[in-house]
Amino acid sequence: MKVKKEKIIELDGANLDIDLIPKQNLGWKQDKCPWNEAEEKNIHKCAVKNTSICKYFRGIKDDDVVLCAYNGKK
């Protein structure tokens, strides 16, 4: 059986809510959520306290890098 390897991208600028929705006047670089960019929206969030986790969220690396498996519209 052949297993397709999942492509993981790294997104800078997560904060405690890890939403990657652009905010003004942040003190750090923040990448945009690729799913929001593809849909031209600002509704998808990686993980929010006391809420669900995005189906593409694959974890955190270092201090503020989100590991994301979104690879375009399917």
C-alpha atoms as a PDB file:
ATOM      1  CA  MET A   1       0.000   0.000   0.000  1.00  0.00           C
ATOM      2  CA  LYS A   2       1.357   3.420  -0.974  1.00  0.00           C
ATOM      3  CA  VAL A   3       0.933   6.209   1.585  1.00  0.00           C
ATOM      4  CA  LYS A   4       0.982   9.785   0.328  1.00  0.00           C
ATOM      5  CA  LYS A   5       3.274  11.972   2.431  1.00  0.00           C
ATOM      6  CA  GLU A   6       1.570  15.086   3.749  1.00  0.00           C
ATOM      7  CA  LYS A   7       3.227  18.412   2.900  1.00  0.00           C
ATOM      8  CA  ILE A   8       3.621  20.632   5.967  1.00  0.00           C
ATOM      9  CA  ILE A   9       4.182  24.395   5.715  1.00  0.00           C
ATOM     10  CA  GLU A  10       5.542  26.616   8.498  1.00  0.00           C
ATOM     11  CA  LEU A  11       3.715  29.871   9.282  1.00  0.00           C
ATOM     12  CA  ASP A  12       5.364  32.541  11.437  1.00  0.00           C
ATOM     13  CA  GLY A  13       3.693  34.706  14.028  1.00  0.00           C
ATOM     14  CA  ALA A  14       1.340  32.593  16.070  1.00  0.00           C
ATOM     15  CA  ASN A  15       0.160  34.031  19.349  1.00  0.00           C
ATOM     16  CA  LEU A  16      -1.565  32.298  22.253  1.00  0.00           C
ATOM     17  CA  ASP A  17      -4.801  31.985  20.279  1.00  0.00           C
ATOM     18  CA  ILE A  18      -2.886  30.874  17.139  1.00  0.00           C
ATOM     19  CA  ASP A  19      -5.398  32.414  14.752  1.00  0.00           C
ATOM     20  CA  LEU A  20      -3.076  33.889  12.050  1.00  0.00           C
ATOM     21  CA  ILE A  21      -5.750  36.468  11.236  1.00  0.00           C
ATOM     22  CA  PRO A  22      -3.928  39.718  10.403  1.00  0.00           C
ATOM     23  CA  LYS A  23      -4.016  42.312  13.147  1.00  0.00           C
ATOM     24  CA  GLN A  24      -2.718  45.859  13.101  1.00  0.00           C
ATOM     25  CA  ASN A  25       0.115  47.040  15.336  1.00  0.00           C
ATOM     26  CA  LEU A  26       1.542  43.614  16.222  1.00  0.00           C
ATOM     27  CA  GLY A  27       5.067  43.601  17.598  1.00  0.00           C
ATOM     28  CA  TRP A  28       6.076  40.583  15.480  1.00  0.00           C
ATOM     29  CA  LYS A  29       5.875  39.239  11.897  1.00  0.00           C
ATOM     30  CA  GLN A  30       2.709  37.243  11.278  1.00  0.00           C
ATOM     31  CA  ASP A  31       2.045  35.097   8.197  1.00  0.00           C
ATOM     32  CA  LYS A  32      -1.485  34.783   6.846  1.00  0.00           C
ATOM     33  CA  CYS A  33      -3.491  31.576   6.985  1.00  0.00           C
ATOM     34  CA  PRO A  34      -3.261  29.983   3.499  1.00  0.00           C
ATOM     35  CA  TRP A  35      -6.841  28.663   3.779  1.00  0.00           C
ATOM     36  CA  ASN A  36      -8.148  32.193   4.468  1.00  0.00           C
ATOM     37  CA  GLU A  37      -6.082  33.543   1.569  1.00  0.00           C
ATOM     38  CA  ALA A  38      -7.459  30.926  -0.833  1.00  0.00           C
ATOM     39  CA  GLU A  39     -11.046  31.733   0.172  1.00  0.00           C
ATOM     40  CA  GLU A  40     -10.385  35.490   0.556  1.00  0.00           C
ATOM     41  CA  LYS A  41     -11.787  35.380   4.109  1.00  0.00           C
ATOM     42  CA  ASN A  42     -10.574  35.821   7.690  1.00  0.00           C
ATOM     43  CA  ILE A  43     -12.559  33.109   9.431  1.00  0.00           C
ATOM     44  CA  HIS A  44     -10.301  30.048   9.696  1.00  0.00           C
ATOM     45  CA  LYS A  45      -8.203  29.755  12.864  1.00  0.00           C
ATOM     46  CA  CYS A  46      -5.565  27.172  13.802  1.00  0.00           C
ATOM     47  CA  ALA A  47      -6.447  26.779  17.453  1.00  0.00           C
ATOM     48  CA  VAL A  48      -8.352  29.022  19.825  1.00  0.00           C
ATOM     49  CA  LYS A  49      -8.566  28.619  23.577  1.00  0.00           C
ATOM     50  CA  ASN A  50     -11.643  26.588  24.546  1.00  0.00           C
ATOM     51  CA  THR A  51     -12.556  26.031  20.872  1.00  0.00           C
ATOM     52  CA  SER A  52     -11.736  23.555  18.127  1.00  0.00           C
ATOM     53  CA  ILE A  53      -8.474  23.040  16.250  1.00  0.00           C
ATOM     54  CA  CYS A  54      -8.255  23.475  12.463  1.00  0.00           C
ATOM     55  CA  LYS A  55      -8.196  20.218  10.494  1.00  0.00           C
ATOM     56  CA  TYR A  56      -4.919  21.363   8.878  1.00  0.00           C
ATOM     57  CA  PHE A  57      -3.175  22.243  12.182  1.00  0.00           C
ATOM     58  CA  ARG A  58      -0.185  19.954  12.784  1.00  0.00           C
ATOM     59  CA  GLY A  59       1.445  21.551  15.828  1.00  0.00           C
ATOM     60  CA  ILE A  60       3.851  24.259  16.952  1.00  0.00           C
ATOM     61  CA  LYS A  61       7.589  24.540  16.290  1.00  0.00           C
ATOM     62  CA  ASP A  62       9.911  26.837  18.235  1.00  0.00           C
ATOM     63  CA  ASP A  63       8.222  29.793  19.910  1.00  0.00           C
ATOM     64  CA  ASP A  64       5.709  30.912  17.330  1.00  0.00           C
ATOM     65  CA  VAL A  65       5.720  28.756  14.177  1.00  0.00           C
ATOM     66  CA  VAL A  66       2.505  26.931  13.261  1.00  0.00           C
ATOM     67  CA  LEU A  67       2.818  23.688  11.296  1.00  0.00           C
ATOM     68  CA  CYS A  68       0.022  23.649   8.691  1.00  0.00           C
ATOM     69  CA  ALA A  69      -0.993  20.979   6.182  1.00  0.00           C
ATOM     70  CA  TYR A  70      -3.206  23.179   3.976  1.00  0.00           C
ATOM     71  CA  ASN A  71      -2.158  22.650   0.349  1.00  0.00           C
ATOM     72  CA  GLY A  72      -4.845  24.468  -1.611  1.00  0.00           C
ATOM     73  CA  LYS A  73      -8.475  23.888  -2.424  1.00  0.00           C
ATOM     74  CA  LYS A  74      -9.537  20.275  -2.789  1.00  0.00           C
END
